[in-house]
All heavy atoms as atom14 arrays in JSON, in Angstrom:
{
  "sequence": "LRKIAHNARTLVDLYGSNGIKVSGVTKAICGHSEIVATLINSGIKTLG",
  "atom14_mask": [
    [1, 1, 1, 1, 1, 1, 1, 1, 0, 0, 0, 0, 0, 0],
    [1, 1, 1, 1, 1, 1, 1, 1, 1, 1, 1, 0, 0, 0],
    [1, 1, 1, 1, 1, 1, 1, 1, 1, 0, 0, 0, 0, 0],
    [1, 1, 1, 1, 1, 1, 1, 1, 0, 0, 0, 0, 0, 0],
    [1, 1, 1, 1, 1, 0, 0, 0, 0, 0, 0, 0, 0, 0],
    [1, 1, 1, 1, 1, 1, 1, 1, 1, 1, 0, 0, 0, 0],
    [1, 1, 1, 1, 1, 1, 1, 1, 0, 0, 0, 0, 0, 0],
    [1, 1, 1, 1, 1, 0, 0, 0, 0, 0, 0, 0, 0, 0],
    [1, 1, 1, 1, 1, 1, 1, 1, 1, 1, 1, 0, 0, 0],
    [1, 1, 1, 1, 1, 1, 1, 0, 0, 0, 0, 0, 0, 0],
    [1, 1, 1, 1, 1, 1, 1, 1, 0, 0, 0, 0, 0, 0],
    [1, 1, 1, 1, 1, 1, 1, 0, 0, 0, 0, 0, 0, 0],
    [1, 1, 1, 1, 1, 1, 1, 1, 0, 0, 0, 0, 0, 0],
    [1, 1, 1, 1, 1, 1, 1, 1, 0, 0, 0, 0, 0, 0],
    [1, 1, 1, 1, 1, 1, 1, 1, 1, 1, 1, 1, 0, 0],
    [1, 1, 1, 1, 0, 0, 0, 0, 0, 0, 0, 0, 0, 0],
    [1, 1, 1, 1, 1, 1, 0, 0, 0, 0, 0, 0, 0, 0],
    [1, 1, 1, 1, 1, 1, 1, 1, 0, 0, 0, 0, 0, 0],
    [1, 1, 1, 1, 0, 0, 0, 0, 0, 0, 0, 0, 0, 0],
    [1, 1, 1, 1, 1, 1, 1, 1, 0, 0, 0, 0, 0, 0],
    [1, 1, 1, 1, 1, 1, 1, 1, 1, 0, 0, 0, 0, 0],
    [1, 1, 1, 1, 1, 1, 1, 0, 0, 0, 0, 0, 0, 0],
    [1, 1, 1, 1, 1, 1, 0, 0, 0, 0, 0, 0, 0, 0],
    [1, 1, 1, 1, 0, 0, 0, 0, 0, 0, 0, 0, 0, 0],
    [1, 1, 1, 1, 1, 1, 1, 0, 0, 0, 0, 0, 0, 0],
    [1, 1, 1, 1, 1, 1, 1, 0, 0, 0, 0, 0, 0, 0],
    [1, 1, 1, 1, 1, 1, 1, 1, 1, 0, 0, 0, 0, 0],
    [1, 1, 1, 1, 1, 0, 0, 0, 0, 0, 0, 0, 0, 0],
    [1, 1, 1, 1, 1, 1, 1, 1, 0, 0, 0, 0, 0, 0],
    [1, 1, 1, 1, 1, 1, 0, 0, 0, 0, 0, 0, 0, 0],
    [1, 1, 1, 1, 0, 0, 0, 0, 0, 0, 0, 0, 0, 0],
    [1, 1, 1, 1, 1, 1, 1, 1, 1, 1, 0, 0, 0, 0],
    [1, 1, 1, 1, 1, 1, 0, 0, 0, 0, 0, 0, 0, 0],
    [1, 1, 1, 1, 1, 1, 1, 1, 1, 0, 0, 0, 0, 0],
    [1, 1, 1, 1, 1, 1, 1, 1, 0, 0, 0, 0, 0, 0],
    [1, 1, 1, 1, 1, 1, 1, 0, 0, 0, 0, 0, 0, 0],
    [1, 1, 1, 1, 1, 0, 0, 0, 0, 0, 0, 0, 0, 0],
    [1, 1, 1, 1, 1, 1, 1, 0, 0, 0, 0, 0, 0, 0],
    [1, 1, 1, 1, 1, 1, 1, 1, 0, 0, 0, 0, 0, 0],
    [1, 1, 1, 1, 1, 1, 1, 1, 0, 0, 0, 0, 0, 0],
    [1, 1, 1, 1, 1, 1, 1, 1, 0, 0, 0, 0, 0, 0],
    [1, 1, 1, 1, 1, 1, 0, 0, 0, 0, 0, 0, 0, 0],
    [1, 1, 1, 1, 0, 0, 0, 0, 0, 0, 0, 0, 0, 0],
    [1, 1, 1, 1, 1, 1, 1, 1, 0, 0, 0, 0, 0, 0],
    [1, 1, 1, 1, 1, 1, 1, 1, 1, 0, 0, 0, 0, 0],
    [1, 1, 1, 1, 1, 1, 1, 0, 0, 0, 0, 0, 0, 0],
    [1, 1, 1, 1, 1, 1, 1, 1, 0, 0, 0, 0, 0, 0],
    [1, 1, 1, 1, 0, 0, 0, 0, 0, 0, 0, 0, 0, 0]
  ],
  "atom14_positions": [
    [[177.47, 161.06, 54.68], [176.65, 159.86, 54.55], [175.79, 159.89, 53.29], [175.52, 158.84, 52.69], [175.76, 159.68, 55.78], [176.48, 159.46, 57.1], [175.46, 159.29, 58.22], [177.4, 158.25, 57.04], [0.0, 0.0, 0.0], [0.0, 0.0, 0.0], [0.0, 0.0, 0.0], [0.0, 0.0, 0.0], [0.0, 0.0, 0.0], [0.0, 0.0, 0.0]],
    [[175.34, 161.08, 52.88], [174.52, 161.18, 51.68], [175.3, 160.7, 50.45], [174.75, 159.98, 49.59], [174.06, 162.62, 51.48], [173.21, 162.84, 50.24], [172.83, 164.3, 50.07], [174.0, 165.16, 49.96], [174.67, 165.36, 48.82], [174.3, 164.75, 47.71], [175.72, 166.18, 48.79], [0.0, 0.0, 0.0], [0.0, 0.0, 0.0], [0.0, 0.0, 0.0]],
    [[176.56, 161.07, 50.35], [177.36, 160.66, 49.21], [177.68, 159.16, 49.27], [177.7, 158.48, 48.23], [178.65, 161.48, 49.17], [178.4, 162.97, 48.86], [179.69, 163.76, 48.8], [179.41, 165.21, 48.42], [180.63, 166.03, 48.32], [0.0, 0.0, 0.0], [0.0, 0.0, 0.0], [0.0, 0.0, 0.0], [0.0, 0.0, 0.0], [0.0, 0.0, 0.0]],
    [[177.92, 158.65, 50.47], [178.17, 157.22, 50.61], [176.93, 156.42, 50.2], [177.01, 155.42, 49.49], [178.58, 156.88, 52.05], [179.93, 157.52, 52.38], [178.64, 155.36, 52.27], [180.31, 157.44, 53.85], [0.0, 0.0, 0.0], [0.0, 0.0, 0.0], [0.0, 0.0, 0.0], [0.0, 0.0, 0.0], [0.0, 0.0, 0.0], [0.0, 0.0, 0.0]],
    [[175.75, 156.9, 50.64], [174.5, 156.23, 50.28], [174.3, 156.23, 48.77], [173.88, 155.22, 48.18], [173.32, 156.91, 50.98], [0.0, 0.0, 0.0], [0.0, 0.0, 0.0], [0.0, 0.0, 0.0], [0.0, 0.0, 0.0], [0.0, 0.0, 0.0], [0.0, 0.0, 0.0], [0.0, 0.0, 0.0], [0.0, 0.0, 0.0], [0.0, 0.0, 0.0]],
    [[174.57, 157.36, 48.15], [174.43, 157.44, 46.68], [175.35, 156.43, 46.0], [174.91, 155.7, 45.09], [174.77, 158.85, 46.2], [174.89, 158.96, 44.71], [173.82, 159.14, 43.88], [176.0, 158.88, 43.9], [174.23, 159.16, 42.62], [175.55, 159.03, 42.6], [0.0, 0.0, 0.0], [0.0, 0.0, 0.0], [0.0, 0.0, 0.0], [0.0, 0.0, 0.0]],
    [[176.6, 156.38, 46.41], [177.54, 155.44, 45.81], [177.09, 154.0, 46.01], [177.14, 153.18, 45.08], [178.93, 155.64, 46.41], [179.62, 156.9, 45.93], [179.07, 157.66, 45.12], [180.82, 157.15, 46.43], [0.0, 0.0, 0.0], [0.0, 0.0, 0.0], [0.0, 0.0, 0.0], [0.0, 0.0, 0.0], [0.0, 0.0, 0.0], [0.0, 0.0, 0.0]],
    [[176.67, 153.68, 47.24], [176.25, 152.31, 47.53], [175.04, 151.91, 46.69], [175.02, 150.83, 46.08], [175.95, 152.17, 49.02], [0.0, 0.0, 0.0], [0.0, 0.0, 0.0], [0.0, 0.0, 0.0], [0.0, 0.0, 0.0], [0.0, 0.0, 0.0], [0.0, 0.0, 0.0], [0.0, 0.0, 0.0], [0.0, 0.0, 0.0], [0.0, 0.0, 0.0]],
    [[174.02, 152.77, 46.65], [172.82, 152.45, 45.87], [173.13, 152.31, 44.39], [172.62, 151.4, 43.71], [171.76, 153.54, 46.07], [171.04, 153.5, 47.41], [169.8, 154.38, 47.39], [170.12, 155.77, 47.06], [170.37, 156.7, 47.97], [170.35, 156.39, 49.25], [170.64, 157.94, 47.59], [0.0, 0.0, 0.0], [0.0, 0.0, 0.0], [0.0, 0.0, 0.0]],
    [[173.99, 153.18, 43.88], [174.34, 153.13, 42.47], [175.04, 151.82, 42.12], [174.75, 151.18, 41.09], [175.25, 154.32, 42.1], [174.56, 155.55, 42.38], [175.63, 154.29, 40.63], [0.0, 0.0, 0.0], [0.0, 0.0, 0.0], [0.0, 0.0, 0.0], [0.0, 0.0, 0.0], [0.0, 0.0, 0.0], [0.0, 0.0, 0.0], [0.0, 0.0, 0.0]],
    [[175.96, 151.38, 42.97], [176.69, 150.14, 42.72], [175.81, 148.91, 42.92], [175.92, 147.93, 42.17], [177.93, 150.06, 43.61], [179.02, 151.09, 43.25], [180.1, 151.15, 44.33], [179.65, 150.77, 41.9], [0.0, 0.0, 0.0], [0.0, 0.0, 0.0], [0.0, 0.0, 0.0], [0.0, 0.0, 0.0], [0.0, 0.0, 0.0], [0.0, 0.0, 0.0]],
    [[174.94, 148.95, 43.92], [173.99, 147.85, 44.1], [173.12, 147.69, 42.86], [172.89, 146.56, 42.38], [173.12, 148.09, 45.36], [171.91, 147.15, 45.37], [173.94, 147.9, 46.62], [0.0, 0.0, 0.0], [0.0, 0.0, 0.0], [0.0, 0.0, 0.0], [0.0, 0.0, 0.0], [0.0, 0.0, 0.0], [0.0, 0.0, 0.0], [0.0, 0.0, 0.0]],
    [[172.66, 148.79, 42.3], [171.82, 148.73, 41.1], [172.64, 148.31, 39.88], [172.16, 147.51, 39.05], [171.18, 150.1, 40.84], [170.14, 150.47, 41.88], [169.68, 149.57, 42.61], [169.8, 151.66, 41.98], [0.0, 0.0, 0.0], [0.0, 0.0, 0.0], [0.0, 0.0, 0.0], [0.0, 0.0, 0.0], [0.0, 0.0, 0.0], [0.0, 0.0, 0.0]],
    [[173.85, 148.84, 39.75], [174.69, 148.52, 38.61], [174.98, 147.02, 38.54], [174.72, 146.37, 37.52], [176.0, 149.3, 38.68], [177.06, 148.94, 37.63], [176.58, 149.34, 36.24], [178.4, 149.59, 37.95], [0.0, 0.0, 0.0], [0.0, 0.0, 0.0], [0.0, 0.0, 0.0], [0.0, 0.0, 0.0], [0.0, 0.0, 0.0], [0.0, 0.0, 0.0]],
    [[175.53, 146.48, 39.62], [175.89, 145.05, 39.59], [174.65, 144.17, 39.66], [174.61, 143.09, 39.06], [176.84, 144.75, 40.75], [178.22, 145.34, 40.55], [178.67, 146.39, 41.34], [179.07, 144.85, 39.57], [179.93, 146.95, 41.15], [180.33, 145.39, 39.37], [180.76, 146.44, 40.17], [182.0, 146.98, 39.97], [0.0, 0.0, 0.0], [0.0, 0.0, 0.0]],
    [[173.63, 144.64, 40.38], [172.4, 143.87, 40.47], [171.68, 143.71, 39.15], [170.94, 142.74, 38.95], [0.0, 0.0, 0.0], [0.0, 0.0, 0.0], [0.0, 0.0, 0.0], [0.0, 0.0, 0.0], [0.0, 0.0, 0.0], [0.0, 0.0, 0.0], [0.0, 0.0, 0.0], [0.0, 0.0, 0.0], [0.0, 0.0, 0.0], [0.0, 0.0, 0.0]],
    [[171.93, 144.64, 38.23], [171.31, 144.54, 36.91], [171.74, 143.3, 36.15], [171.1, 142.87, 35.21], [171.64, 145.78, 36.08], [173.04, 145.82, 35.75], [0.0, 0.0, 0.0], [0.0, 0.0, 0.0], [0.0, 0.0, 0.0], [0.0, 0.0, 0.0], [0.0, 0.0, 0.0], [0.0, 0.0, 0.0], [0.0, 0.0, 0.0], [0.0, 0.0, 0.0]],
    [[172.85, 142.7, 36.58], [173.33, 141.47, 35.94], [173.46, 140.34, 36.95], [174.26, 139.43, 36.77], [174.67, 141.73, 35.24], [174.86, 140.84, 34.03], [174.05, 139.96, 33.74], [175.95, 141.05, 33.31], [0.0, 0.0, 0.0], [0.0, 0.0, 0.0], [0.0, 0.0, 0.0], [0.0, 0.0, 0.0], [0.0, 0.0, 0.0], [0.0, 0.0, 0.0]],
    [[172.7, 140.45, 38.04], [172.61, 139.33, 38.97], [173.73, 139.21, 39.97], [173.89, 138.14, 40.58], [0.0, 0.0, 0.0], [0.0, 0.0, 0.0], [0.0, 0.0, 0.0], [0.0, 0.0, 0.0], [0.0, 0.0, 0.0], [0.0, 0.0, 0.0], [0.0, 0.0, 0.0], [0.0, 0.0, 0.0], [0.0, 0.0, 0.0], [0.0, 0.0, 0.0]],
    [[174.51, 140.26, 40.17], [175.62, 140.2, 41.14], [175.24, 140.99, 42.38], [174.86, 142.15, 42.31], [176.92, 140.74, 40.53], [177.38, 139.83, 39.39], [178.01, 140.86, 41.59], [178.67, 140.29, 38.72], [0.0, 0.0, 0.0], [0.0, 0.0, 0.0], [0.0, 0.0, 0.0], [0.0, 0.0, 0.0], [0.0, 0.0, 0.0], [0.0, 0.0, 0.0]],
    [[175.36, 140.34, 43.54], [175.08, 140.95, 44.82], [176.33, 141.66, 45.33], [177.45, 141.19, 45.15], [174.63, 139.87, 45.82], [174.4, 140.36, 47.25], [173.88, 139.23, 48.11], [174.93, 138.15, 48.28], [176.07, 138.58, 49.13], [0.0, 0.0, 0.0], [0.0, 0.0, 0.0], [0.0, 0.0, 0.0], [0.0, 0.0, 0.0], [0.0, 0.0, 0.0]],
    [[176.13, 142.79, 46.0], [177.23, 143.54, 46.59], [177.34, 143.22, 48.08], [176.36, 143.36, 48.82], [177.03, 145.06, 46.4], [178.05, 145.85, 47.24], [177.16, 145.43, 44.93], [0.0, 0.0, 0.0], [0.0, 0.0, 0.0], [0.0, 0.0, 0.0], [0.0, 0.0, 0.0], [0.0, 0.0, 0.0], [0.0, 0.0, 0.0], [0.0, 0.0, 0.0]],
    [[178.51, 142.76, 48.49], [178.83, 142.64, 49.92], [179.65, 143.86, 50.3], [180.67, 144.15, 49.67], [179.61, 141.36, 50.19], [178.83, 140.21, 49.92], [0.0, 0.0, 0.0], [0.0, 0.0, 0.0], [0.0, 0.0, 0.0], [0.0, 0.0, 0.0], [0.0, 0.0, 0.0], [0.0, 0.0, 0.0], [0.0, 0.0, 0.0], [0.0, 0.0, 0.0]],
    [[179.22, 144.59, 51.31], [179.92, 145.81, 51.71], [181.09, 145.5, 52.63], [180.92, 144.82, 53.65], [0.0, 0.0, 0.0], [0.0, 0.0, 0.0], [0.0, 0.0, 0.0], [0.0, 0.0, 0.0], [0.0, 0.0, 0.0], [0.0, 0.0, 0.0], [0.0, 0.0, 0.0], [0.0, 0.0, 0.0], [0.0, 0.0, 0.0], [0.0, 0.0, 0.0]],
    [[182.26, 145.99, 52.27], [183.47, 145.75, 53.07], [183.65, 146.92, 54.05], [183.79, 148.08, 53.63], [184.71, 145.6, 52.16], [185.96, 145.44, 53.01], [184.53, 144.4, 51.24], [0.0, 0.0, 0.0], [0.0, 0.0, 0.0], [0.0, 0.0, 0.0], [0.0, 0.0, 0.0], [0.0, 0.0, 0.0], [0.0, 0.0, 0.0], [0.0, 0.0, 0.0]],
    [[183.65, 146.61, 55.33], [183.63, 147.65, 56.37], [184.96, 147.83, 57.08], [185.04, 148.61, 58.03], [182.55, 147.31, 57.41], [182.81, 146.01, 57.98], [181.17, 147.31, 56.77], [0.0, 0.0, 0.0], [0.0, 0.0, 0.0], [0.0, 0.0, 0.0], [0.0, 0.0, 0.0], [0.0, 0.0, 0.0], [0.0, 0.0, 0.0], [0.0, 0.0, 0.0]],
    [[186.02, 147.16, 56.63], [187.29, 147.24, 57.38], [187.87, 148.65, 57.35], [188.43, 149.11, 58.34], [188.3, 146.24, 56.82], [188.76, 146.53, 55.39], [189.85, 145.55, 54.96], [190.36, 145.91, 53.58], [191.44, 145.01, 53.14], [0.0, 0.0, 0.0], [0.0, 0.0, 0.0], [0.0, 0.0, 0.0], [0.0, 0.0, 0.0], [0.0, 0.0, 0.0]],
    [[187.75, 149.36, 56.23], [188.36, 150.69, 56.13], [187.68, 151.7, 57.04], [188.28, 152.71, 57.41], [188.33, 151.19, 54.69], [0.0, 0.0, 0.0], [0.0, 0.0, 0.0], [0.0, 0.0, 0.0], [0.0, 0.0, 0.0], [0.0, 0.0, 0.0], [0.0, 0.0, 0.0], [0.0, 0.0, 0.0], [0.0, 0.0, 0.0], [0.0, 0.0, 0.0]],
    [[186.43, 151.43, 57.39], [185.7, 152.36, 58.26], [185.62, 151.83, 59.68], [184.92, 152.4, 60.53], [184.29, 152.64, 57.71], [183.5, 151.34, 57.54], [184.37, 153.38, 56.37], [182.03, 151.52, 57.3], [0.0, 0.0, 0.0], [0.0, 0.0, 0.0], [0.0, 0.0, 0.0], [0.0, 0.0, 0.0], [0.0, 0.0, 0.0], [0.0, 0.0, 0.0]],
    [[186.31, 150.72, 59.95], [186.38, 150.13, 61.29], [184.98, 149.83, 61.84], [184.73, 149.94, 63.05], [187.14, 151.05, 62.25], [188.84, 151.37, 61.74], [0.0, 0.0, 0.0], [0.0, 0.0, 0.0], [0.0, 0.0, 0.0], [0.0, 0.0, 0.0], [0.0, 0.0, 0.0], [0.0, 0.0, 0.0], [0.0, 0.0, 0.0], [0.0, 0.0, 0.0]],
    [[184.06, 149.46, 60.97], [182.71, 149.12, 61.4], [181.93, 150.27, 61.97], [181.01, 150.07, 62.78], [0.0, 0.0, 0.0], [0.0, 0.0, 0.0], [0.0, 0.0, 0.0], [0.0, 0.0, 0.0], [0.0, 0.0, 0.0], [0.0, 0.0, 0.0], [0.0, 0.0, 0.0], [0.0, 0.0, 0.0], [0.0, 0.0, 0.0], [0.0, 0.0, 0.0]],
    [[182.24, 151.5, 61.57], [181.57, 152.71, 62.07], [180.05, 152.57, 61.92], [179.53, 152.39, 60.82], [182.06, 153.92, 61.29], [181.62, 155.23, 61.81], [180.33, 155.68, 61.7], [182.3, 156.23, 62.47], [180.23, 156.89, 62.23], [181.41, 157.24, 62.71], [0.0, 0.0, 0.0], [0.0, 0.0, 0.0], [0.0, 0.0, 0.0], [0.0, 0.0, 0.0]],
    [[179.33, 152.67, 63.03], [177.9, 152.31, 63.05], [177.05, 153.12, 62.08], [176.19, 152.56, 61.39], [177.35, 152.47, 64.47], [177.96, 151.54, 65.34], [0.0, 0.0, 0.0], [0.0, 0.0, 0.0], [0.0, 0.0, 0.0], [0.0, 0.0, 0.0], [0.0, 0.0, 0.0], [0.0, 0.0, 0.0], [0.0, 0.0, 0.0], [0.0, 0.0, 0.0]],
    [[177.25, 154.43, 62.03], [176.4, 155.26, 61.17], [176.69, 154.99, 59.69], [175.77, 155.01, 58.86], [176.62, 156.74, 61.49], [176.04, 157.15, 62.83], [176.33, 158.6, 63.17], [175.52, 159.46, 62.81], [177.38, 158.86, 63.79], [0.0, 0.0, 0.0], [0.0, 0.0, 0.0], [0.0, 0.0, 0.0], [0.0, 0.0, 0.0], [0.0, 0.0, 0.0]],
    [[177.95, 154.74, 59.36], [178.26, 154.42, 57.96], [177.69, 153.06, 57.6], [177.11, 152.88, 56.51], [179.79, 154.45, 57.73], [180.37, 155.81, 58.12], [180.1, 154.13, 56.27], [181.88, 155.87, 58.05], [0.0, 0.0, 0.0], [0.0, 0.0, 0.0], [0.0, 0.0, 0.0], [0.0, 0.0, 0.0], [0.0, 0.0, 0.0], [0.0, 0.0, 0.0]],
    [[177.82, 152.11, 58.51], [177.31, 150.76, 58.26], [175.79, 150.79, 58.09], [175.24, 150.13, 57.2], [177.71, 149.82, 59.42], [176.94, 148.52, 59.35], [179.22, 149.54, 59.38], [0.0, 0.0, 0.0], [0.0, 0.0, 0.0], [0.0, 0.0, 0.0], [0.0, 0.0, 0.0], [0.0, 0.0, 0.0], [0.0, 0.0, 0.0], [0.0, 0.0, 0.0]],
    [[175.11, 151.56, 58.94], [173.65, 151.68, 58.8], [173.29, 152.26, 57.44], [172.28, 151.87, 56.83], [173.1, 152.54, 59.93], [0.0, 0.0, 0.0], [0.0, 0.0, 0.0], [0.0, 0.0, 0.0], [0.0, 0.0, 0.0], [0.0, 0.0, 0.0], [0.0, 0.0, 0.0], [0.0, 0.0, 0.0], [0.0, 0.0, 0.0], [0.0, 0.0, 0.0]],
    [[174.09, 153.18, 56.95], [173.88, 153.77, 55.63], [173.99, 152.7, 54.54], [173.19, 152.68, 53.58], [174.88, 154.91, 55.37], [174.68, 155.93, 56.35], [174.7, 155.49, 53.98], [0.0, 0.0, 0.0], [0.0, 0.0, 0.0], [0.0, 0.0, 0.0], [0.0, 0.0, 0.0], [0.0, 0.0, 0.0], [0.0, 0.0, 0.0], [0.0, 0.0, 0.0]],
    [[174.97, 151.83, 54.66], [175.13, 150.74, 53.68], [173.9, 149.83, 53.67], [173.39, 149.47, 52.61], [176.38, 149.92, 54.0], [177.73, 150.63, 53.96], [178.86, 149.64, 54.23], [177.96, 151.34, 52.64], [0.0, 0.0, 0.0], [0.0, 0.0, 0.0], [0.0, 0.0, 0.0], [0.0, 0.0, 0.0], [0.0, 0.0, 0.0], [0.0, 0.0, 0.0]],
    [[173.44, 149.47, 54.86], [172.28, 148.58, 54.96], [171.03, 149.24, 54.37], [170.27, 148.63, 53.61], [172.06, 148.16, 56.41], [173.23, 147.28, 56.89], [170.74, 147.42, 56.57], [173.2, 146.98, 58.35], [0.0, 0.0, 0.0], [0.0, 0.0, 0.0], [0.0, 0.0, 0.0], [0.0, 0.0, 0.0], [0.0, 0.0, 0.0], [0.0, 0.0, 0.0]],
    [[170.84, 150.5, 54.68], [169.69, 151.24, 54.14], [169.77, 151.44, 52.64], [168.77, 151.77, 52.0], [169.55, 152.59, 54.84], [169.16, 152.45, 56.3], [168.55, 151.46, 56.69], [169.52, 153.44, 57.11], [0.0, 0.0, 0.0], [0.0, 0.0, 0.0], [0.0, 0.0, 0.0], [0.0, 0.0, 0.0], [0.0, 0.0, 0.0], [0.0, 0.0, 0.0]],
    [[170.98, 151.26, 52.09], [171.17, 151.42, 50.65], [171.07, 150.1, 49.9], [171.35, 150.03, 48.71], [172.53, 152.06, 50.38], [172.63, 153.32, 51.01], [0.0, 0.0, 0.0], [0.0, 0.0, 0.0], [0.0, 0.0, 0.0], [0.0, 0.0, 0.0], [0.0, 0.0, 0.0], [0.0, 0.0, 0.0], [0.0, 0.0, 0.0], [0.0, 0.0, 0.0]],
    [[170.66, 149.05, 50.6], [170.4, 147.77, 49.93], [171.48, 146.72, 50.09], [171.4, 145.65, 49.45], [0.0, 0.0, 0.0], [0.0, 0.0, 0.0], [0.0, 0.0, 0.0], [0.0, 0.0, 0.0], [0.0, 0.0, 0.0], [0.0, 0.0, 0.0], [0.0, 0.0, 0.0], [0.0, 0.0, 0.0], [0.0, 0.0, 0.0], [0.0, 0.0, 0.0]],
    [[172.47, 146.96, 50.93], [173.54, 145.98, 51.15], [173.18, 145.15, 52.38], [172.98, 145.69, 53.47], [174.89, 146.67, 51.33], [175.31, 147.32, 49.99], [175.96, 145.7, 51.81], [176.56, 148.15, 50.07], [0.0, 0.0, 0.0], [0.0, 0.0, 0.0], [0.0, 0.0, 0.0], [0.0, 0.0, 0.0], [0.0, 0.0, 0.0], [0.0, 0.0, 0.0]],
    [[173.12, 143.83, 52.22], [172.69, 142.95, 53.3], [173.83, 142.15, 53.92], [173.69, 141.67, 55.05], [171.62, 141.97, 52.78], [170.42, 142.66, 52.12], [169.78, 143.68, 53.04], [168.59, 144.38, 52.38], [168.06, 145.49, 53.21], [0.0, 0.0, 0.0], [0.0, 0.0, 0.0], [0.0, 0.0, 0.0], [0.0, 0.0, 0.0], [0.0, 0.0, 0.0]],
    [[174.94, 142.01, 53.22], [176.1, 141.3, 53.76], [177.21, 142.3, 54.02], [177.57, 143.09, 53.15], [176.59, 140.22, 52.78], [175.58, 139.22, 52.62], [177.87, 139.56, 53.3], [0.0, 0.0, 0.0], [0.0, 0.0, 0.0], [0.0, 0.0, 0.0], [0.0, 0.0, 0.0], [0.0, 0.0, 0.0], [0.0, 0.0, 0.0], [0.0, 0.0, 0.0]],
    [[177.76, 142.26, 55.23], [178.88, 143.11, 55.61], [180.1, 142.25, 55.85], [180.07, 141.31, 56.65], [178.54, 143.9, 56.89], [177.31, 144.81, 56.82], [177.06, 145.46, 58.17], [177.5, 145.88, 55.74], [0.0, 0.0, 0.0], [0.0, 0.0, 0.0], [0.0, 0.0, 0.0], [0.0, 0.0, 0.0], [0.0, 0.0, 0.0], [0.0, 0.0, 0.0]],
    [[181.18, 142.57, 55.14], [182.41, 141.81, 55.26], [183.49, 142.63, 55.92], [183.69, 143.8, 55.61], [0.0, 0.0, 0.0], [0.0, 0.0, 0.0], [0.0, 0.0, 0.0], [0.0, 0.0, 0.0], [0.0, 0.0, 0.0], [0.0, 0.0, 0.0], [0.0, 0.0, 0.0], [0.0, 0.0, 0.0], [0.0, 0.0, 0.0], [0.0, 0.0, 0.0]]
  ]
}
């Protein structure tokens, strides 16, 4: 989860620097609750 959080925060900041919001796609993880919570805590507000 630590590595997933790092990746998510880095991408949120990267794309956000130019006004693009990141929607996190959860299909590959089958909506796994702990991973999803990590995405939300990393600044992702939309889950697809």
